[in-house]
Amino acid sequence: MLYTIAFAAFAFVTLASAVGVVLLQDPWHSALMLGVSLLSIAVHFVMLAAEFVAMMQILVYVGGVLVLITFAVMLTQREEPASEEVVQT
């Protein structure tokens, strides 16, 4: 019973964060949601008694791919110029 509740909770977290990846407009928040999704998938692997696959999921995807995505997001975002008020005389 407890196993089913834990599975349902992490399945909801996985699906909600995956929807957040697609629907969020800010690339930084989208990358954070991708990290949450990948970590919850690793929890599913632990629940299936596949600890090695879970650790590879964390090391390769969360540790490598997510860091690469965050660097790409940080390097490609443009800073918006401050709005200058036009003073009419």
PDB file of N, CA and C in Angstrom:
ATOM      1  N   MET A   1       0.827  -1.195   0.000  1.00  0.00           N
ATOM      2  CA  MET A   1       0.000   0.000   0.000  1.00  0.00           C
ATOM      3  C   MET A   1       0.871   1.258   0.000  1.00  0.00           C
ATOM      4  N   LEU A   2       1.886   1.264   0.865  1.00  0.00           N
ATOM      5  CA  LEU A   2       2.776   2.419   0.941  1.00  0.00           C
ATOM      6  C   LEU A   2       3.571   2.584  -0.357  1.00  0.00           C
ATOM      7  N   TYR A   3       3.941   1.437  -0.943  1.00  0.00           N
ATOM      8  CA  TYR A   3       4.676   1.466  -2.207  1.00  0.00           C
ATOM      9  C   TYR A   3       3.830   2.101  -3.308  1.00  0.00           C
ATOM     10  N   THR A   4       2.558   1.793  -3.342  1.00  0.00           N
ATOM     11  CA  THR A   4       1.659   2.346  -4.357  1.00  0.00           C
ATOM     12  C   THR A   4       1.476   3.845  -4.172  1.00  0.00           C
ATOM     13  N   ILE A   5       1.374   4.300  -2.938  1.00  0.00           N
ATOM     14  CA  ILE A   5       1.221   5.730  -2.662  1.00  0.00           C
ATOM     15  C   ILE A   5       2.485   6.486  -3.065  1.00  0.00           C
ATOM     16  N   ALA A   6       3.654   5.912  -2.734  1.00  0.00           N
ATOM     17  CA  ALA A   6       4.922   6.551  -3.115  1.00  0.00           C
ATOM     18  C   ALA A   6       5.074   6.600  -4.624  1.00  0.00           C
ATOM     19  N   PHE A   7       4.697   5.507  -5.307  1.00  0.00           N
ATOM     20  CA  PHE A   7       4.776   5.493  -6.758  1.00  0.00           C
ATOM     21  C   PHE A   7       3.857   6.547  -7.368  1.00  0.00           C
ATOM     22  N   ALA A   8       2.639   6.659  -6.869  1.00  0.00           N
ATOM     23  CA  ALA A   8       1.686   7.638  -7.392  1.00  0.00           C
ATOM     24  C   ALA A   8       2.177   9.062  -7.139  1.00  0.00           C
ATOM     25  N   ALA A   9       2.768   9.303  -5.975  1.00  0.00           N
ATOM     26  CA  ALA A   9       3.255  10.645  -5.662  1.00  0.00           C
ATOM     27  C   ALA A   9       4.402  11.036  -6.591  1.00  0.00           C
ATOM     28  N   PHE A  10       5.366  10.127  -6.784  1.00  0.00           N
ATOM     29  CA  PHE A  10       6.478  10.464  -7.662  1.00  0.00           C
ATOM     30  C   PHE A  10       6.072  10.470  -9.133  1.00  0.00           C
ATOM     31  N   ALA A  11       5.056   9.691  -9.493  1.00  0.00           N
ATOM     32  CA  ALA A  11       4.539   9.767 -10.861  1.00  0.00           C
ATOM     33  C   ALA A  11       3.900  11.129 -11.107  1.00  0.00           C
ATOM     34  N   PHE A  12       3.181  11.645 -10.115  1.00  0.00           N
ATOM     35  CA  PHE A  12       2.592  12.973 -10.243  1.00  0.00           C
ATOM     36  C   PHE A  12       3.675  14.042 -10.344  1.00  0.00           C
ATOM     37  N   VAL A  13       4.734  13.923  -9.526  1.00  0.00           N
ATOM     38  CA  VAL A  13       5.837  14.889  -9.582  1.00  0.00           C
ATOM     39  C   VAL A  13       6.510  14.845 -10.948  1.00  0.00           C
ATOM     40  N   THR A  14       6.723  13.642 -11.479  1.00  0.00           N
ATOM     41  CA  THR A  14       7.354  13.495 -12.794  1.00  0.00           C
ATOM     42  C   THR A  14       6.506  14.134 -13.877  1.00  0.00           C
ATOM     43  N   LEU A  15       5.231  13.841 -13.894  1.00  0.00           N
ATOM     44  CA  LEU A  15       4.361  14.389 -14.931  1.00  0.00           C
ATOM     45  C   LEU A  15       4.172  15.895 -14.789  1.00  0.00           C
ATOM     46  N   ALA A  16       4.033  16.383 -13.569  1.00  0.00           N
ATOM     47  CA  ALA A  16       3.844  17.822 -13.368  1.00  0.00           C
ATOM     48  C   ALA A  16       5.087  18.604 -13.773  1.00  0.00           C
ATOM     49  N   SER A  17       6.263  18.091 -13.434  1.00  0.00           N
ATOM     50  CA  SER A  17       7.484  18.800 -13.828  1.00  0.00           C
ATOM     51  C   SER A  17       7.739  18.692 -15.325  1.00  0.00           C
ATOM     52  N   ALA A  18       7.355  17.589 -15.951  1.00  0.00           N
ATOM     53  CA  ALA A  18       7.499  17.473 -17.403  1.00  0.00           C
ATOM     54  C   ALA A  18       6.576  18.451 -18.121  1.00  0.00           C
ATOM     55  N   VAL A  19       5.370  18.631 -17.600  1.00  0.00           N
ATOM     56  CA  VAL A  19       4.464  19.630 -18.171  1.00  0.00           C
ATOM     57  C   VAL A  19       5.025  21.028 -17.931  1.00  0.00           C
ATOM     58  N   GLY A  20       5.649  21.235 -16.780  1.00  0.00           N
ATOM     59  CA  GLY A  20       6.282  22.523 -16.488  1.00  0.00           C
ATOM     60  C   GLY A  20       7.426  22.833 -17.434  1.00  0.00           C
ATOM     61  N   VAL A  21       8.176  21.817 -17.853  1.00  0.00           N
ATOM     62  CA  VAL A  21       9.265  22.021 -18.816  1.00  0.00           C
ATOM     63  C   VAL A  21       8.718  22.594 -20.109  1.00  0.00           C
ATOM     64  N   VAL A  22       7.589  22.075 -20.536  1.00  0.00           N
ATOM     65  CA  VAL A  22       7.017  22.490 -21.818  1.00  0.00           C
ATOM     66  C   VAL A  22       6.304  23.834 -21.709  1.00  0.00           C
ATOM     67  N   LEU A  23       5.603  24.081 -20.619  1.00  0.00           N
ATOM     68  CA  LEU A  23       4.739  25.249 -20.541  1.00  0.00           C
ATOM     69  C   LEU A  23       5.398  26.506 -19.991  1.00  0.00           C
ATOM     70  N   LEU A  24       6.467  26.372 -19.217  1.00  0.00           N
ATOM     71  CA  LEU A  24       7.108  27.566 -18.663  1.00  0.00           C
ATOM     72  C   LEU A  24       7.849  28.327 -19.752  1.00  0.00           C
ATOM     73  N   GLN A  25       7.744  29.647 -19.718  1.00  0.00           N
ATOM     74  CA  GLN A  25       8.352  30.453 -20.762  1.00  0.00           C
ATOM     75  C   GLN A  25       9.788  30.836 -20.450  1.00  0.00           C
ATOM     76  N   ASP A  26      10.139  30.907 -19.179  1.00  0.00           N
ATOM     77  CA  ASP A  26      11.507  31.248 -18.799  1.00  0.00           C
ATOM     78  C   ASP A  26      12.384  30.008 -18.944  1.00  0.00           C
ATOM     79  N   PRO A  27      13.445  30.072 -19.759  1.00  0.00           N
ATOM     80  CA  PRO A  27      14.275  28.875 -19.959  1.00  0.00           C
ATOM     81  C   PRO A  27      14.970  28.397 -18.692  1.00  0.00           C
ATOM     82  N   TRP A  28      15.273  29.306 -17.787  1.00  0.00           N
ATOM     83  CA  TRP A  28      15.921  28.899 -16.544  1.00  0.00           C
ATOM     84  C   TRP A  28      14.974  28.045 -15.698  1.00  0.00           C
ATOM     85  N   HIS A  29      13.719  28.475 -15.560  1.00  0.00           N
ATOM     86  CA  HIS A  29      12.750  27.688 -14.790  1.00  0.00           C
ATOM     87  C   HIS A  29      12.429  26.371 -15.495  1.00  0.00           C
ATOM     88  N   SER A  30      12.422  26.397 -16.801  1.00  0.00           N
ATOM     89  CA  SER A  30      12.197  25.173 -17.556  1.00  0.00           C
ATOM     90  C   SER A  30      13.327  24.172 -17.317  1.00  0.00           C
ATOM     91  N   ALA A  31      14.561  24.642 -17.261  1.00  0.00           N
ATOM     92  CA  ALA A  31      15.699  23.754 -16.984  1.00  0.00           C
ATOM     93  C   ALA A  31      15.623  23.199 -15.561  1.00  0.00           C
ATOM     94  N   LEU A  32      15.165  24.007 -14.613  1.00  0.00           N
ATOM     95  CA  LEU A  32      15.002  23.511 -13.245  1.00  0.00           C
ATOM     96  C   LEU A  32      13.912  22.440 -13.170  1.00  0.00           C
ATOM     97  N   MET A  33      12.852  22.624 -13.905  1.00  0.00           N
ATOM     98  CA  MET A  33      11.800  21.607 -13.946  1.00  0.00           C
ATOM     99  C   MET A  33      12.303  20.319 -14.601  1.00  0.00           C
ATOM    100  N   LEU A  34      13.184  20.448 -15.586  1.00  0.00           N
ATOM    101  CA  LEU A  34      13.787  19.263 -16.197  1.00  0.00           C
ATOM    102  C   LEU A  34      14.614  18.507 -15.162  1.00  0.00           C
ATOM    103  N   GLY A  35      15.337  19.235 -14.325  1.00  0.00           N
ATOM    104  CA  GLY A  35      16.102  18.593 -13.257  1.00  0.00           C
ATOM    105  C   GLY A  35      15.213  17.850 -12.278  1.00  0.00           C
ATOM    106  N   VAL A  36      14.099  18.444 -11.916  1.00  0.00           N
ATOM    107  CA  VAL A  36      13.153  17.781 -11.007  1.00  0.00           C
ATOM    108  C   VAL A  36      12.602  16.525 -11.657  1.00  0.00           C
ATOM    109  N   SER A  37      12.281  16.611 -12.932  1.00  0.00           N
ATOM    110  CA  SER A  37      11.755  15.456 -13.649  1.00  0.00           C
ATOM    111  C   SER A  37      12.775  14.327 -13.714  1.00  0.00           C
ATOM    112  N   LEU A  38      14.018  14.659 -14.021  1.00  0.00           N
ATOM    113  CA  LEU A  38      15.053  13.629 -14.108  1.00  0.00           C
ATOM    114  C   LEU A  38      15.346  13.005 -12.752  1.00  0.00           C
ATOM    115  N   LEU A  39      15.318  13.801 -11.691  1.00  0.00           N
ATOM    116  CA  LEU A  39      15.528  13.244 -10.355  1.00  0.00           C
ATOM    117  C   LEU A  39      14.385  12.325  -9.931  1.00  0.00           C
ATOM    118  N   SER A  40      13.170  12.685 -10.290  1.00  0.00           N
ATOM    119  CA  SER A  40      12.056  11.819  -9.909  1.00  0.00           C
ATOM    120  C   SER A  40      12.062  10.525 -10.718  1.00  0.00           C
ATOM    121  N   ILE A  41      12.584  10.560 -11.926  1.00  0.00           N
ATOM    122  CA  ILE A  41      12.743   9.321 -12.688  1.00  0.00           C
ATOM    123  C   ILE A  41      13.782   8.431 -12.009  1.00  0.00           C
ATOM    124  N   ALA A  42      14.828   9.038 -11.460  1.00  0.00           N
ATOM    125  CA  ALA A  42      15.816   8.266 -10.709  1.00  0.00           C
ATOM    126  C   ALA A  42      15.188   7.613  -9.480  1.00  0.00           C
ATOM    127  N   VAL A  43      14.249   8.303  -8.847  1.00  0.00           N
ATOM    128  CA  VAL A  43      13.543   7.706  -7.710  1.00  0.00           C
ATOM    129  C   VAL A  43      12.730   6.498  -8.160  1.00  0.00           C
ATOM    130  N   HIS A  44      12.138   6.574  -9.345  1.00  0.00           N
ATOM    131  CA  HIS A  44      11.407   5.417  -9.881  1.00  0.00           C
ATOM    132  C   HIS A  44      12.342   4.229 -10.078  1.00  0.00           C
ATOM    133  N   PHE A  45      13.567   4.488 -10.547  1.00  0.00           N
ATOM    134  CA  PHE A  45      14.532   3.404 -10.705  1.00  0.00           C
ATOM    135  C   PHE A  45      14.901   2.788  -9.358  1.00  0.00           C
ATOM    136  N   VAL A  46      15.032   3.612  -8.324  1.00  0.00           N
ATOM    137  CA  VAL A  46      15.328   3.080  -6.991  1.00  0.00           C
ATOM    138  C   VAL A  46      14.171   2.219  -6.501  1.00  0.00           C
ATOM    139  N   MET A  47      12.951   2.643  -6.781  1.00  0.00           N
ATOM    140  CA  MET A  47      11.787   1.860  -6.374  1.00  0.00           C
ATOM    141  C   MET A  47      11.722   0.524  -7.105  1.00  0.00           C
ATOM    142  N   LEU A  48      12.323   0.444  -8.283  1.00  0.00           N
ATOM    143  CA  LEU A  48      12.363  -0.816  -9.029  1.00  0.00           C
ATOM    144  C   LEU A  48      13.586  -1.662  -8.676  1.00  0.00           C
ATOM    145  N   ALA A  49      14.340  -1.241  -7.654  1.00  0.00           N
ATOM    146  CA  ALA A  49      15.550  -1.933  -7.193  1.00  0.00           C
ATOM    147  C   ALA A  49      16.628  -1.938  -8.264  1.00  0.00           C
ATOM    148  N   ALA A  50      16.718  -0.857  -9.036  1.00  0.00           N
ATOM    149  CA  ALA A  50      17.765  -0.691 -10.042  1.00  0.00           C
ATOM    150  C   ALA A  50      18.624   0.499  -9.615  1.00  0.00           C
ATOM    151  N   GLU A  51      19.374   0.308  -8.547  1.00  0.00           N
ATOM    152  CA  GLU A  51      20.138   1.413  -7.967  1.00  0.00           C
ATOM    153  C   GLU A  51      21.240   1.906  -8.893  1.00  0.00           C
ATOM    154  N   PHE A  52      21.866   0.974  -9.627  1.00  0.00           N
ATOM    155  CA  PHE A  52      22.932   1.386 -10.544  1.00  0.00           C
ATOM    156  C   PHE A  52      22.393   2.285 -11.641  1.00  0.00           C
ATOM    157  N   VAL A  53      21.260   1.924 -12.194  1.00  0.00           N
ATOM    158  CA  VAL A  53      20.648   2.753 -13.242  1.00  0.00           C
ATOM    159  C   VAL A  53      20.235   4.104 -12.674  1.00  0.00           C
ATOM    160  N   ALA A  54      19.776   4.127 -11.436  1.00  0.00           N
ATOM    161  CA  ALA A  54      19.400   5.388 -10.796  1.00  0.00           C
ATOM    162  C   ALA A  54      20.614   6.285 -10.611  1.00  0.00           C
ATOM    163  N   MET A  55      21.729   5.710 -10.186  1.00  0.00           N
ATOM    164  CA  MET A  55      22.941   6.518 -10.017  1.00  0.00           C
ATOM    165  C   MET A  55      23.468   7.017 -11.358  1.00  0.00           C
ATOM    166  N   MET A  56      23.373   6.204 -12.387  1.00  0.00           N
ATOM    167  CA  MET A  56      23.792   6.660 -13.721  1.00  0.00           C
ATOM    168  C   MET A  56      22.857   7.756 -14.228  1.00  0.00           C
ATOM    169  N   GLN A  57      21.592   7.647 -13.909  1.00  0.00           N
ATOM    170  CA  GLN A  57      20.634   8.687 -14.264  1.00  0.00           C
ATOM    171  C   GLN A  57      21.031  10.011 -13.618  1.00  0.00           C
ATOM    172  N   ILE A  58      21.383   9.955 -12.357  1.00  0.00           N
ATOM    173  CA  ILE A  58      21.757  11.178 -11.643  1.00  0.00           C
ATOM    174  C   ILE A  58      23.086  11.724 -12.164  1.00  0.00           C
ATOM    175  N   LEU A  59      24.078  10.847 -12.312  1.00  0.00           N
ATOM    176  CA  LEU A  59      25.394  11.307 -12.736  1.00  0.00           C
ATOM    177  C   LEU A  59      25.402  11.827 -14.166  1.00  0.00           C
ATOM    178  N   VAL A  60      24.807  11.078 -15.087  1.00  0.00           N
ATOM    179  CA  VAL A  60      24.885  11.440 -16.497  1.00  0.00           C
ATOM    180  C   VAL A  60      23.889  12.532 -16.846  1.00  0.00           C
ATOM    181  N   TYR A  61      22.612  12.315 -16.542  1.00  0.00           N
ATOM    182  CA  TYR A  61      21.602  13.261 -16.989  1.00  0.00           C
ATOM    183  C   TYR A  61      21.544  14.503 -16.102  1.00  0.00           C
ATOM    184  N   VAL A  62      21.380  14.310 -14.812  1.00  0.00           N
ATOM    185  CA  VAL A  62      21.265  15.468 -13.930  1.00  0.00           C
ATOM    186  C   VAL A  62      22.609  16.170 -13.804  1.00  0.00           C
ATOM    187  N   GLY A  63      23.669  15.404 -13.651  1.00  0.00           N
ATOM    188  CA  GLY A  63      24.977  16.008 -13.469  1.00  0.00           C
ATOM    189  C   GLY A  63      25.574  16.574 -14.733  1.00  0.00           C
ATOM    190  N   GLY A  64      25.377  15.922 -15.847  1.00  0.00           N
ATOM    191  CA  GLY A  64      26.016  16.352 -17.086  1.00  0.00           C
ATOM    192  C   GLY A  64      25.129  17.165 -17.995  1.00  0.00           C
ATOM    193  N   VAL A  65      24.043  16.586 -18.414  1.00  0.00           N
ATOM    194  CA  VAL A  65      23.174  17.236 -19.395  1.00  0.00           C
ATOM    195  C   VAL A  65      22.534  18.486 -18.812  1.00  0.00           C
ATOM    196  N   LEU A  66      22.074  18.423 -17.572  1.00  0.00           N
ATOM    197  CA  LEU A  66      21.421  19.587 -16.979  1.00  0.00           C
ATOM    198  C   LEU A  66      22.406  20.731 -16.764  1.00  0.00           C
ATOM    199  N   VAL A  67      23.636  20.420 -16.377  1.00  0.00           N
ATOM    200  CA  VAL A  67      24.647  21.467 -16.235  1.00  0.00           C
ATOM    201  C   VAL A  67      24.945  22.098 -17.591  1.00  0.00           C
ATOM    202  N   LEU A  68      25.025  21.289 -18.635  1.00  0.00           N
ATOM    203  CA  LEU A  68      25.242  21.809 -19.981  1.00  0.00           C
ATOM    204  C   LEU A  68      24.094  22.714 -20.412  1.00  0.00           C
ATOM    205  N   ILE A  69      22.868  22.314 -20.121  1.00  0.00           N
ATOM    206  CA  ILE A  69      21.711  23.136 -20.482  1.00  0.00           C
ATOM    207  C   ILE A  69      21.719  24.448 -19.701  1.00  0.00           C
ATOM    208  N   THR A  70      22.049  24.402 -18.418  1.00  0.00           N
ATOM    209  CA  THR A  70      22.051  25.641 -17.643  1.00  0.00           C
ATOM    210  C   THR A  70      23.145  26.591 -18.116  1.00  0.00           C
ATOM    211  N   PHE A  71      24.319  26.066 -18.485  1.00  0.00           N
ATOM    212  CA  PHE A  71      25.347  26.934 -19.048  1.00  0.00           C
ATOM    213  C   PHE A  71      24.879  27.549 -20.357  1.00  0.00           C
ATOM    214  N   ALA A  72      24.220  26.764 -21.200  1.00  0.00           N
ATOM    215  CA  ALA A  72      23.725  27.290 -22.467  1.00  0.00           C
ATOM    216  C   ALA A  72      22.671  28.364 -22.237  1.00  0.00           C
ATOM    217  N   VAL A  73      21.805  28.156 -21.264  1.00  0.00           N
ATOM    218  CA  VAL A  73      20.770  29.152 -20.962  1.00  0.00           C
ATOM    219  C   VAL A  73      21.408  30.428 -20.440  1.00  0.00           C
ATOM    220  N   MET A  74      22.386  30.299 -19.551  1.00  0.00           N
ATOM    221  CA  MET A  74      23.006  31.486 -18.970  1.00  0.00           C
ATOM    222  C   MET A  74      23.822  32.250 -20.014  1.00  0.00           C
ATOM    223  N   LEU A  75      24.446  31.543 -20.944  1.00  0.00           N
ATOM    224  CA  LEU A  75      25.284  32.213 -21.934  1.00  0.00           C
ATOM    225  C   LEU A  75      24.485  32.835 -23.065  1.00  0.00           C
ATOM    226  N   THR A  76      23.293  32.334 -23.338  1.00  0.00           N
ATOM    227  CA  THR A  76      22.528  32.848 -24.471  1.00  0.00           C
ATOM    228  C   THR A  76      21.446  33.842 -24.099  1.00  0.00           C
ATOM    229  N   GLN A  77      21.153  34.013 -22.810  1.00  0.00           N
ATOM    230  CA  GLN A  77      20.121  34.977 -22.433  1.00  0.00           C
ATOM    231  C   GLN A  77      20.663  36.389 -22.583  1.00  0.00           C
ATOM    232  N   ARG A  78      19.834  37.239 -23.163  1.00  0.00           N
ATOM    233  CA  ARG A  78      20.195  38.652 -23.304  1.00  0.00           C
ATOM    234  C   ARG A  78      19.606  39.424 -22.142  1.00  0.00           C
ATOM    235  N   GLU A  79      20.366  40.385 -21.682  1.00  0.00           N
ATOM    236  CA  GLU A  79      19.840  41.258 -20.643  1.00  0.00           C
ATOM    237  C   GLU A  79      18.992  42.327 -21.310  1.00  0.00           C
ATOM    238  N   GLU A  80      17.825  42.531 -20.751  1.00  0.00           N
ATOM    239  CA  GLU A  80      16.947  43.544 -21.301  1.00  0.00           C
ATOM    240  C   GLU A  80      17.433  44.914 -20.850  1.00  0.00           C
ATOM    241  N   PRO A  81      17.507  45.860 -21.791  1.00  0.00           N
ATOM    242  CA  PRO A  81      17.972  47.203 -21.395  1.00  0.00           C
ATOM    243  C   PRO A  81      16.941  47.856 -20.483  1.00  0.00           C
ATOM    244  N   ALA A  82      17.459  48.660 -19.591  1.00  0.00           N
ATOM    245  CA  ALA A  82      16.572  49.371 -18.671  1.00  0.00           C
ATOM    246  C   ALA A  82      15.741  50.380 -19.459  1.00  0.00           C
ATOM    247  N   SER A  83      14.499  50.456 -19.126  1.00  0.00           N
ATOM    248  CA  SER A  83      13.642  51.393 -19.862  1.00  0.00           C
ATOM    249  C   SER A  83      13.994  52.821 -19.476  1.00  0.00           C
ATOM    250  N   GLU A  84      14.233  53.613 -20.482  1.00  0.00           N
ATOM    251  CA  GLU A  84      14.593  55.009 -20.245  1.00  0.00           C
ATOM    252  C   GLU A  84      13.349  55.865 -20.450  1.00  0.00           C
ATOM    253  N   GLU A  85      13.096  56.695 -19.483  1.00  0.00           N
ATOM    254  CA  GLU A  85      11.945  57.562 -19.591  1.00  0.00           C
ATOM    255  C   GLU A  85      12.302  58.756 -20.459  1.00  0.00           C
ATOM    256  N   VAL A  86      11.415  59.065 -21.371  1.00  0.00           N
ATOM    257  CA  VAL A  86      11.630  60.205 -22.255  1.00  0.00           C
ATOM    258  C   VAL A  86      11.053  61.431 -21.570  1.00  0.00           C
ATOM    259  N   VAL A  87      11.907  62.407 -21.365  1.00  0.00           N
ATOM    260  CA  VAL A  87      11.484  63.647 -20.722  1.00  0.00           C
ATOM    261  C   VAL A  87      11.248  64.678 -21.806  1.00  0.00           C
ATOM    262  N   GLN A  88      10.012  65.147 -21.913  1.00  0.00           N
ATOM    263  CA  GLN A  88       9.702  66.158 -22.919  1.00  0.00           C
ATOM    264  C   GLN A  88       9.759  67.529 -22.274  1.00  0.00           C
ATOM    265  N   THR A  89      10.426  68.444 -22.962  1.00  0.00           N
ATOM    266  CA  THR A  89      10.530  69.783 -22.412  1.00  0.00           C
ATOM    267  C   THR A  89       9.704  70.765 -23.178  1.00  0.00           C
TER     268      THR A  89
END
